[in-house]
Structure formats: C-alpha cells, structure tokens
Amino acid sequence: MPGNRNGLDAVPARAKSIEHPSAPEGAAAGDAVDARRLTDWLVSRHGDHVGPFAWSRIAGGRSNITLHVTDARGHAFILRRPPEGPLLASAHDVLREFRILSALRGQPVPTPAPLALCESPSILGAPFYTMAFEPGLVLRSPDDTAGLSDGGRARVGHAMIDVLADLHGIDPEAVGLGTLGRRDGYLERQLTRWHRQWQSSSTRRLPALDEAHQRLTADIPRQQRVSIVHGDFRLDNVVLGPQGDVRAVLDWELCTLGDPLADLGLFLVYWTQPGEDTSHLYTSVPTTTPGFATRDELVERYRERTDLDLDRIGFYMAFGLWKLACIGEGICVRDRAAGLDVGTLSKQVGLLAEKALTTLRGSS
C-alpha cells in the first residue's frame, strides 16, 4: 500500500504556519494544538534550527502522518506522528519506529537520522518524532524515472537488492533489536492475523481470497533465517540518487523480525516489467518503463548476496499479493463506512486475490 514518505521531492498536500499560537493544525498534524508549545519543543530539541517553523503534510498514504518542516532559515527536517482517530493497539507505533531507526544507525542500510522523540501526547495529541530530511528521488510513476541518469534505471534494482540483502544480514541481537518480534512462525502468524482481520471486517465474499489462504496455509516453506524484515520494501519507500543509488530507506512502521523472503516476495510483486498487467496494484509502476533490471536478474542477485534457497519465491510473491488484498479490503470497509467511493479499490482487491491464486497455481 502506498505509505507516507519522509524524504521526498513531493508536492505537499497542504502547508501550515506554526508561527502563531492560535494557528489550527487539525488536518495536518492531528487535533488543534498549541502552536507555541510545539515551536518551543522544536527549538529546545533542535538547537541548530530557528523558529518560526512552517510545515507541509506529505501527500499520499493511509499510515503514519509525515510532515516536512522548515525553519526560518529554510533548513528542513521531518516529523512523524500517528494518524487521527481510534487505532489498533499495536499499530502506528512511532516510538517503535524511532527505536528501529536509532538501532540501524551505522549499519550498511541507509536510513534517515533520528533526531528527537516526544513520548507525551500533550503537544500533538499523540507521540511523535523528528528525523533528518533526505533529499532525492522517490519513484511513484513512470514519469518520475526521468530524474535518473542513463544508467540509473539499470542500477536501481541492483542497489535495492543489495540494501535488502544487507538488512537481512544484520544480527538483530547485535543492534539491540532482538526483542523486536518473535523469531519463528512469521508466515503462520501473518496468515492468521490478516485472515482474521479480513473475516471480521469484510461485508462480501471473495472466494479467491479464501482459496489462496487455504493453499498458503497448507504449504508454508521452512523459514531459513531470522532477519530484520522491513515489511513494505518497494520503490516508493526509498530515496534515490540520480545514479540509481539508495540514499535512504523509509517507512519502517511494519518492521519486525521474521522471514526475509517475505520482503523479497513483496518487492518482486511491485517490480512489474514492461508489458505486464498492473491493474491489480494500487499505484502506477515506474519499472514498466524500459531500462530497469528484470525480475529474474534481481532474484539471482539476491541469491548471490544471501545464499538463501529461492526455489519457493513464487509462494512469497503470492503471499505478498494475498496480504495486499486483505489490507485493501480493510481500507474499503473503512472508506465505505465514511461515505467514500471505493469502486476502484474494491475491484483491485478482487484482482489481487485472483493474482495471488494464479501465482500459487503457477509456482506449485
């Protein structure tokens, strides 16, 4: 699913000044807040920044809210906070995100530097944290690839695979993330969790989703390694340089310990090649333009970097498709209840379920 971004050259959804204490921040940062209190907090935690501050909400996503903040000198940083409204107990944990970013500093995986953490809800109505702004390219559509150099497209996939392999090679205990999640049974837990959520919220029958769940549950591959799993590793969750290098990996909200091939499988779901049908995906796909590495090339590079057995990678791609369908159906239910048009998304959920089933049949 498209998530919120924290190092983008994106067009902000809206901008708000927090120079005046009475300035309402509702849509951008949660409920109305005391802007002077927030300004005082930012100044006290960011000694090299000078008020007044202005912020803009980075558009897109249905996850944690991401704000691009600039000070009076034009210096920028990022603020992340949970969305408004009732939340699941384990969801949108920005304190956990801050912990992960802090633990990964100095590791071979490029991440935005965490700057300051506010655990109290007294300022924004929820905890939040700030981190460094990472300038660069975020590819969300074929048009965005124009910012890459001639060889940049060919290098992007290899660079992302190298970062993913580096992440999966980190010892969680060595960086203080040994308690980030359970170490075994990752796929079993994921299949149970998302199927239960779909059953409890959906108001329609989706036989393909049920059949895919049954097939996935009946034939779960052996987990070869316990790794730090990003949970949503794809093109528009990284900041790139014009030469195709990865400057920062974003959006660590779903990060946990688990099966590294779940990350690879979802990455390959989004890495759609020219001529392939993308109607099941929620976003346009930059890799449908010529010049990017093929999916097979990226699988081989990951194999070389990790020595993991990738013979069941089709299963992991099917799992990624099935999980996206479950998540999408949950969003459909919430949006429909809010009176929003869910026609396109509802159709995509069905297509994702069918694609998951087709992928399973083809990989068996």
Protein backbone atom coordinates (compact mmCIF):
# COMPACT_ATOMS: atom_id res chain seq x y z
CA MET A 1 0.00 0.00 0.00
CA PRO A 2 1.25 3.48 -0.60
CA GLY A 3 2.56 4.77 2.69
CA ASN A 4 3.62 8.14 4.00
CA ARG A 5 7.02 9.37 2.92
CA ASN A 6 9.72 11.12 4.86
CA GLY A 7 12.39 12.26 2.43
CA LEU A 8 10.62 13.34 -0.70
CA ASP A 9 10.59 15.78 -3.55
CA ALA A 10 6.80 15.58 -3.33
CA VAL A 11 4.10 18.22 -3.68
CA PRO A 12 2.75 18.82 -0.14
CA ALA A 13 -0.93 18.25 0.48
CA ARG A 14 -1.19 21.50 2.44
CA ALA A 15 1.04 23.89 4.31
CA LYS A 16 0.55 25.41 7.75
CA SER A 17 2.50 28.07 9.59
CA ILE A 18 3.12 27.40 13.27
CA GLU A 19 4.38 30.90 13.96
CA HIS A 20 1.21 31.91 15.81
CA PRO A 21 -0.11 30.04 18.88
CA SER A 22 -3.68 30.15 17.57
CA ALA A 23 -2.91 28.56 14.22
CA PRO A 24 -5.16 25.47 13.80
CA GLU A 25 -3.21 22.38 12.78
CA GLY A 26 -6.10 19.90 12.66
CA ALA A 27 -5.79 18.24 9.24
CA ALA A 28 -2.03 18.38 9.05
CA ALA A 29 -0.91 17.22 12.46
CA GLY A 30 -3.89 15.89 14.35
CA ASP A 31 -6.26 17.78 16.59
CA ALA A 32 -5.83 21.51 17.20
CA VAL A 33 -2.60 22.11 19.10
CA ASP A 34 -0.86 24.94 20.90
CA ALA A 35 1.49 26.00 18.14
CA ARG A 36 3.70 27.98 20.50
CA ARG A 37 4.18 24.88 22.64
CA LEU A 38 5.17 22.90 19.57
CA THR A 39 7.51 25.68 18.44
CA ASP A 40 9.14 25.76 21.88
CA TRP A 41 9.58 21.98 21.80
CA LEU A 42 11.16 22.06 18.34
CA VAL A 43 13.57 24.83 19.32
CA SER A 44 14.54 23.03 22.53
CA ARG A 45 15.24 19.76 20.69
CA HIS A 46 16.74 21.22 17.51
CA GLY A 47 19.39 23.66 18.64
CA ASP A 48 20.55 24.31 15.08
CA HIS A 49 17.06 25.28 13.88
CA VAL A 50 15.45 28.69 14.33
CA GLY A 51 11.75 29.49 14.53
CA PRO A 52 9.25 30.32 13.29
CA PHE A 53 8.60 26.98 11.63
CA ALA A 54 6.30 26.05 8.77
CA TRP A 55 5.21 22.61 7.79
CA SER A 56 3.54 20.77 4.95
CA ARG A 57 1.94 17.38 5.02
CA ILE A 58 3.47 14.99 2.52
CA ALA A 59 0.65 13.70 0.35
CA GLY A 60 -0.29 10.09 -0.07
CA GLY A 61 -0.61 7.10 2.20
CA ARG A 62 -3.01 5.82 4.82
CA SER A 63 -0.45 5.21 7.52
CA ASN A 64 1.54 7.40 9.91
CA ILE A 65 1.35 11.11 9.12
CA THR A 66 4.55 12.63 7.73
CA LEU A 67 5.25 16.36 7.87
CA HIS A 68 8.01 18.24 6.07
CA VAL A 69 9.11 21.01 8.47
CA THR A 70 11.23 24.04 7.61
CA ASP A 71 12.65 26.65 9.93
CA ALA A 72 13.14 30.39 9.38
CA ARG A 73 16.42 29.74 7.54
CA GLY A 74 14.88 27.20 5.19
CA HIS A 75 16.50 24.20 6.89
CA ALA A 76 14.31 21.11 6.67
CA PHE A 77 13.58 18.04 8.76
CA ILE A 78 10.74 15.52 9.07
CA LEU A 79 8.10 14.96 11.77
CA ARG A 80 6.22 11.63 12.04
CA ARG A 81 3.11 11.02 14.12
CA PRO A 82 0.22 8.51 14.16
CA PRO A 83 -2.97 9.18 12.19
CA GLU A 84 -6.01 10.61 13.92
CA GLY A 85 -8.87 8.54 15.26
CA PRO A 86 -9.04 5.18 17.06
CA LEU A 87 -6.05 2.93 16.39
CA LEU A 88 -5.32 -0.76 16.82
CA ALA A 89 -3.24 -1.39 19.93
CA SER A 90 -0.12 -2.48 18.02
CA ALA A 91 -0.46 -0.17 15.00
CA HIS A 92 1.18 3.15 14.12
CA ASP A 93 3.77 2.92 16.90
CA VAL A 94 6.09 5.85 16.19
CA LEU A 95 8.10 5.15 19.34
CA ARG A 96 8.95 1.77 17.84
CA GLU A 97 9.88 3.41 14.52
CA PHE A 98 12.26 5.74 16.34
CA ARG A 99 13.83 2.79 18.13
CA ILE A 100 14.40 0.97 14.84
CA LEU A 101 15.94 3.98 13.12
CA SER A 102 18.21 4.54 16.12
CA ALA A 103 19.33 0.90 16.14
CA LEU A 104 20.16 0.91 12.41
CA ARG A 105 22.44 3.97 12.54
CA GLY A 106 25.92 2.93 11.49
CA GLN A 107 24.67 -0.21 9.77
CA PRO A 108 25.05 -0.74 5.99
CA VAL A 109 21.35 0.09 5.44
CA PRO A 110 20.92 3.83 4.73
CA THR A 111 18.22 5.39 6.91
CA PRO A 112 17.23 8.95 7.87
CA ALA A 113 18.97 10.01 11.07
CA PRO A 114 16.55 10.09 14.05
CA LEU A 115 16.71 13.48 15.76
CA ALA A 116 14.31 13.81 18.69
CA LEU A 117 11.45 11.90 20.28
CA CYS A 118 8.36 13.19 22.11
CA GLU A 119 6.65 10.39 24.03
CA SER A 120 3.99 12.65 25.56
CA PRO A 121 0.67 13.30 23.74
CA SER A 122 0.41 16.75 25.34
CA ILE A 123 1.69 18.67 22.29
CA LEU A 124 0.21 16.96 19.21
CA GLY A 125 -2.33 14.69 20.87
CA ALA A 126 -0.04 11.70 20.23
CA PRO A 127 3.65 10.81 20.48
CA PHE A 128 5.84 11.90 17.57
CA TYR A 129 9.44 12.08 16.50
CA THR A 130 11.65 14.05 14.15
CA MET A 131 14.34 12.86 11.78
CA ALA A 132 16.63 14.22 9.11
CA PHE A 133 15.25 15.14 5.70
CA GLU A 134 16.86 13.08 2.94
CA PRO A 135 16.64 14.84 -0.44
CA GLY A 136 16.50 12.81 -3.60
CA LEU A 137 14.17 10.98 -5.96
CA VAL A 138 11.15 8.92 -4.93
CA LEU A 139 9.74 6.96 -7.88
CA ARG A 140 5.97 6.57 -7.85
CA SER A 141 5.18 6.64 -11.57
CA PRO A 142 6.90 6.10 -14.92
CA ASP A 143 7.24 9.87 -15.33
CA ASP A 144 9.36 10.05 -12.16
CA THR A 145 12.09 7.98 -13.80
CA ALA A 146 13.09 11.00 -15.90
CA GLY A 147 15.20 12.12 -12.94
CA LEU A 148 17.52 9.14 -13.27
CA SER A 149 20.68 9.18 -15.37
CA ASP A 150 21.01 6.97 -18.45
CA GLY A 151 22.46 4.14 -16.38
CA GLY A 152 20.45 4.92 -13.27
CA ARG A 153 17.47 2.77 -14.19
CA ALA A 154 19.63 -0.31 -14.63
CA ARG A 155 21.34 0.27 -11.27
CA VAL A 156 18.26 0.96 -9.12
CA GLY A 157 17.13 -2.65 -8.80
CA HIS A 158 20.60 -3.96 -8.02
CA ALA A 159 21.15 -1.21 -5.44
CA MET A 160 17.84 -2.01 -3.74
CA ILE A 161 18.57 -5.72 -3.66
CA ASP A 162 21.97 -5.01 -2.12
CA VAL A 163 20.33 -2.89 0.59
CA LEU A 164 17.74 -5.59 1.24
CA ALA A 165 20.43 -8.27 1.49
CA ASP A 166 22.41 -6.05 3.87
CA LEU A 167 19.33 -5.55 6.05
CA HIS A 168 18.64 -9.26 6.16
CA GLY A 169 22.26 -9.94 7.08
CA ILE A 170 22.19 -7.78 10.23
CA ASP A 171 22.19 -9.71 13.51
CA PRO A 172 19.13 -8.36 15.38
CA GLU A 173 20.75 -9.04 18.76
CA ALA A 174 23.89 -7.16 17.82
CA VAL A 175 21.96 -3.92 17.14
CA GLY A 176 19.58 -4.20 20.08
CA LEU A 177 16.56 -5.41 18.11
CA GLY A 178 16.46 -8.98 19.37
CA THR A 179 13.08 -8.36 21.02
CA LEU A 180 11.51 -6.57 18.06
CA GLY A 181 9.31 -9.59 17.32
CA ARG A 182 9.01 -13.34 17.64
CA ARG A 183 11.78 -15.20 15.86
CA ASP A 184 9.83 -18.09 14.36
CA GLY A 185 6.47 -18.79 12.74
CA TYR A 186 6.41 -15.47 10.87
CA LEU A 187 4.31 -16.64 7.92
CA GLU A 188 1.92 -18.60 10.10
CA ARG A 189 1.27 -15.54 12.27
CA GLN A 190 0.87 -13.25 9.28
CA LEU A 191 -1.59 -15.60 7.59
CA THR A 192 -3.63 -15.89 10.77
CA ARG A 193 -3.58 -12.17 11.54
CA TRP A 194 -4.62 -10.87 8.14
CA HIS A 195 -7.19 -13.59 7.50
CA ARG A 196 -8.82 -12.89 10.87
CA GLN A 197 -8.89 -9.16 10.11
CA TRP A 198 -10.45 -9.75 6.71
CA GLN A 199 -13.10 -12.09 8.11
CA SER A 200 -14.02 -9.65 10.88
CA SER A 201 -14.40 -6.62 8.64
CA SER A 202 -15.41 -7.65 5.12
CA THR A 203 -19.04 -7.49 4.05
CA ARG A 204 -18.68 -9.54 0.86
CA ARG A 205 -17.50 -12.95 -0.26
CA LEU A 206 -14.15 -13.28 -2.02
CA PRO A 207 -13.72 -16.99 -2.81
CA ALA A 208 -10.29 -16.42 -4.41
CA LEU A 209 -9.02 -14.84 -1.18
CA ASP A 210 -10.24 -17.79 0.87
CA GLU A 211 -8.80 -20.35 -1.53
CA ALA A 212 -5.45 -18.56 -1.65
CA HIS A 213 -5.36 -18.52 2.16
CA GLN A 214 -6.06 -22.25 2.29
CA ARG A 215 -3.31 -23.01 -0.23
CA LEU A 216 -0.81 -20.73 1.51
CA THR A 217 -1.53 -22.16 4.95
CA ALA A 218 -1.24 -25.74 3.71
CA ASP A 219 2.21 -25.35 2.15
CA ILE A 220 4.31 -22.88 4.18
CA PRO A 221 8.04 -23.04 3.34
CA ARG A 222 10.60 -23.59 6.07
CA GLN A 223 11.93 -20.30 7.43
CA GLN A 224 15.63 -20.34 6.57
CA ARG A 225 16.76 -17.35 8.61
CA VAL A 226 15.53 -14.90 11.24
CA SER A 227 16.08 -11.40 9.89
CA ILE A 228 15.02 -7.83 10.44
CA VAL A 229 12.13 -7.58 7.97
CA HIS A 230 11.19 -4.15 6.65
CA GLY A 231 7.62 -5.18 5.82
CA ASP A 232 6.98 -2.78 2.92
CA PHE A 233 10.17 -2.65 0.86
CA ARG A 234 9.45 -1.16 -2.57
CA LEU A 235 10.48 1.65 -4.89
CA ASP A 236 8.46 4.47 -3.39
CA ASN A 237 9.73 3.67 0.08
CA VAL A 238 13.31 4.57 -0.79
CA VAL A 239 15.04 7.84 -1.67
CA LEU A 240 17.32 7.51 -4.69
CA GLY A 241 20.19 9.48 -6.14
CA PRO A 242 20.20 10.29 -9.88
CA GLN A 243 22.69 7.47 -10.50
CA GLY A 244 20.29 4.90 -9.05
CA ASP A 245 21.95 4.66 -5.63
CA VAL A 246 19.80 4.24 -2.50
CA ARG A 247 20.17 7.24 -0.19
CA ALA A 248 17.62 6.25 2.44
CA VAL A 249 15.07 3.53 3.19
CA LEU A 250 11.80 4.99 4.51
CA ASP A 251 8.63 3.87 6.30
CA TRP A 252 9.72 1.36 8.97
CA GLU A 253 6.26 1.11 10.51
CA LEU A 254 5.80 -2.60 9.66
CA CYS A 255 9.36 -3.64 10.54
CA THR A 256 9.72 -6.76 12.70
CA LEU A 257 11.70 -9.99 12.94
CA GLY A 258 10.74 -12.71 10.52
CA ASP A 259 11.30 -14.47 7.22
CA PRO A 260 13.47 -12.33 4.91
CA LEU A 261 11.93 -13.83 1.79
CA ALA A 262 8.62 -12.16 2.65
CA ASP A 263 10.39 -8.84 1.98
CA LEU A 264 11.80 -10.11 -1.29
CA GLY A 265 8.46 -11.53 -2.41
CA LEU A 266 6.59 -8.25 -1.86
CA PHE A 267 9.39 -6.29 -3.54
CA LEU A 268 9.03 -8.50 -6.62
CA VAL A 269 5.24 -8.05 -6.65
CA TYR A 270 5.76 -4.32 -7.20
CA TRP A 271 8.71 -4.80 -9.58
CA THR A 272 6.47 -5.14 -12.63
CA GLN A 273 8.14 -5.47 -16.02
CA PRO A 274 7.22 -3.76 -19.32
CA GLY A 275 4.14 -5.30 -20.90
CA GLU A 276 2.86 -6.90 -17.70
CA ASP A 277 -0.63 -6.19 -16.36
CA THR A 278 -0.58 -3.82 -13.35
CA SER A 279 -4.33 -3.38 -12.91
CA HIS A 280 -4.23 -5.22 -9.58
CA LEU A 281 -1.81 -2.76 -7.98
CA TYR A 282 -2.82 0.36 -6.07
CA THR A 283 -0.20 2.55 -7.71
CA SER A 284 1.35 3.14 -11.11
CA VAL A 285 4.61 1.25 -11.55
CA PRO A 286 7.83 3.02 -12.63
CA THR A 287 9.52 -0.24 -13.62
CA THR A 288 7.15 -0.74 -16.54
CA THR A 289 9.36 1.71 -18.45
CA PRO A 290 12.38 0.28 -20.32
CA GLY A 291 15.84 0.14 -18.79
CA PHE A 292 15.22 -1.46 -15.40
CA ALA A 293 16.69 -4.82 -14.40
CA THR A 294 14.46 -7.84 -14.89
CA ARG A 295 12.84 -9.66 -12.01
CA ASP A 296 14.94 -12.76 -12.70
CA GLU A 297 18.14 -10.70 -12.55
CA LEU A 298 17.18 -9.32 -9.17
CA VAL A 299 16.29 -12.74 -7.80
CA GLU A 300 19.69 -14.03 -8.90
CA ARG A 301 21.48 -11.08 -7.32
CA TYR A 302 19.69 -11.67 -4.01
CA ARG A 303 20.59 -15.35 -4.20
CA GLU A 304 24.25 -14.49 -4.69
CA ARG A 305 24.23 -11.99 -1.82
CA THR A 306 22.49 -14.22 0.74
CA ASP A 307 22.97 -17.86 -0.33
CA LEU A 308 19.31 -18.48 0.53
CA ASP A 309 17.25 -21.05 -1.34
CA LEU A 310 14.85 -19.13 -3.59
CA ASP A 311 13.08 -22.08 -5.23
CA ARG A 312 9.84 -21.13 -3.42
CA ILE A 313 9.93 -17.43 -4.24
CA GLY A 314 6.62 -17.81 -6.09
CA PHE A 315 4.98 -18.68 -2.77
CA TYR A 316 6.31 -15.49 -1.20
CA MET A 317 5.06 -13.39 -4.10
CA ALA A 318 1.62 -14.99 -3.76
CA PHE A 319 1.69 -14.29 -0.04
CA GLY A 320 2.51 -10.64 -0.74
CA LEU A 321 -0.38 -10.35 -3.18
CA TRP A 322 -2.78 -12.03 -0.75
CA LYS A 323 -1.70 -9.76 2.11
CA LEU A 324 -2.20 -6.64 -0.04
CA ALA A 325 -5.71 -7.88 -0.85
CA CYS A 326 -6.54 -8.29 2.85
CA ILE A 327 -5.19 -4.83 3.68
CA GLY A 328 -7.05 -3.29 0.76
CA GLU A 329 -10.34 -4.87 1.79
CA GLY A 330 -9.96 -3.41 5.27
CA ILE A 331 -9.47 0.04 3.75
CA CYS A 332 -12.53 -0.49 1.54
CA VAL A 333 -14.67 -1.22 4.59
CA ARG A 334 -13.47 1.87 6.46
CA ASP A 335 -13.79 4.17 3.44
CA ARG A 336 -17.22 2.85 2.55
CA ALA A 337 -18.40 3.50 6.10
CA ALA A 338 -17.13 7.06 5.74
CA GLY A 339 -19.17 7.53 2.57
CA LEU A 340 -16.20 7.45 0.19
CA ASP A 341 -16.19 5.89 -3.28
CA VAL A 342 -14.35 2.56 -3.12
CA GLY A 343 -15.24 1.23 -6.55
CA THR A 344 -11.71 1.17 -7.97
CA LEU A 345 -10.07 -0.11 -4.80
CA SER A 346 -12.74 -2.78 -4.37
CA LYS A 347 -12.05 -4.06 -7.88
CA GLN A 348 -8.30 -4.09 -7.24
CA VAL A 349 -8.77 -6.19 -4.10
CA GLY A 350 -10.51 -8.83 -6.18
CA LEU A 351 -7.77 -8.69 -8.81
CA LEU A 352 -5.09 -9.06 -6.13
CA ALA A 353 -6.82 -12.15 -4.73
CA GLU A 354 -7.08 -13.69 -8.20
CA LYS A 355 -3.43 -12.84 -8.92
CA ALA A 356 -2.36 -14.48 -5.67
CA LEU A 357 -4.25 -17.63 -6.60
CA THR A 358 -2.85 -17.67 -10.14
CA THR A 359 0.68 -17.20 -8.80
CA LEU A 360 0.24 -20.09 -6.37
CA ARG A 361 -1.03 -22.37 -9.11
CA GLY A 362 1.90 -21.43 -11.32
CA SER A 363 4.50 -22.00 -8.62
CA SER A 364 3.25 -25.37 -7.40
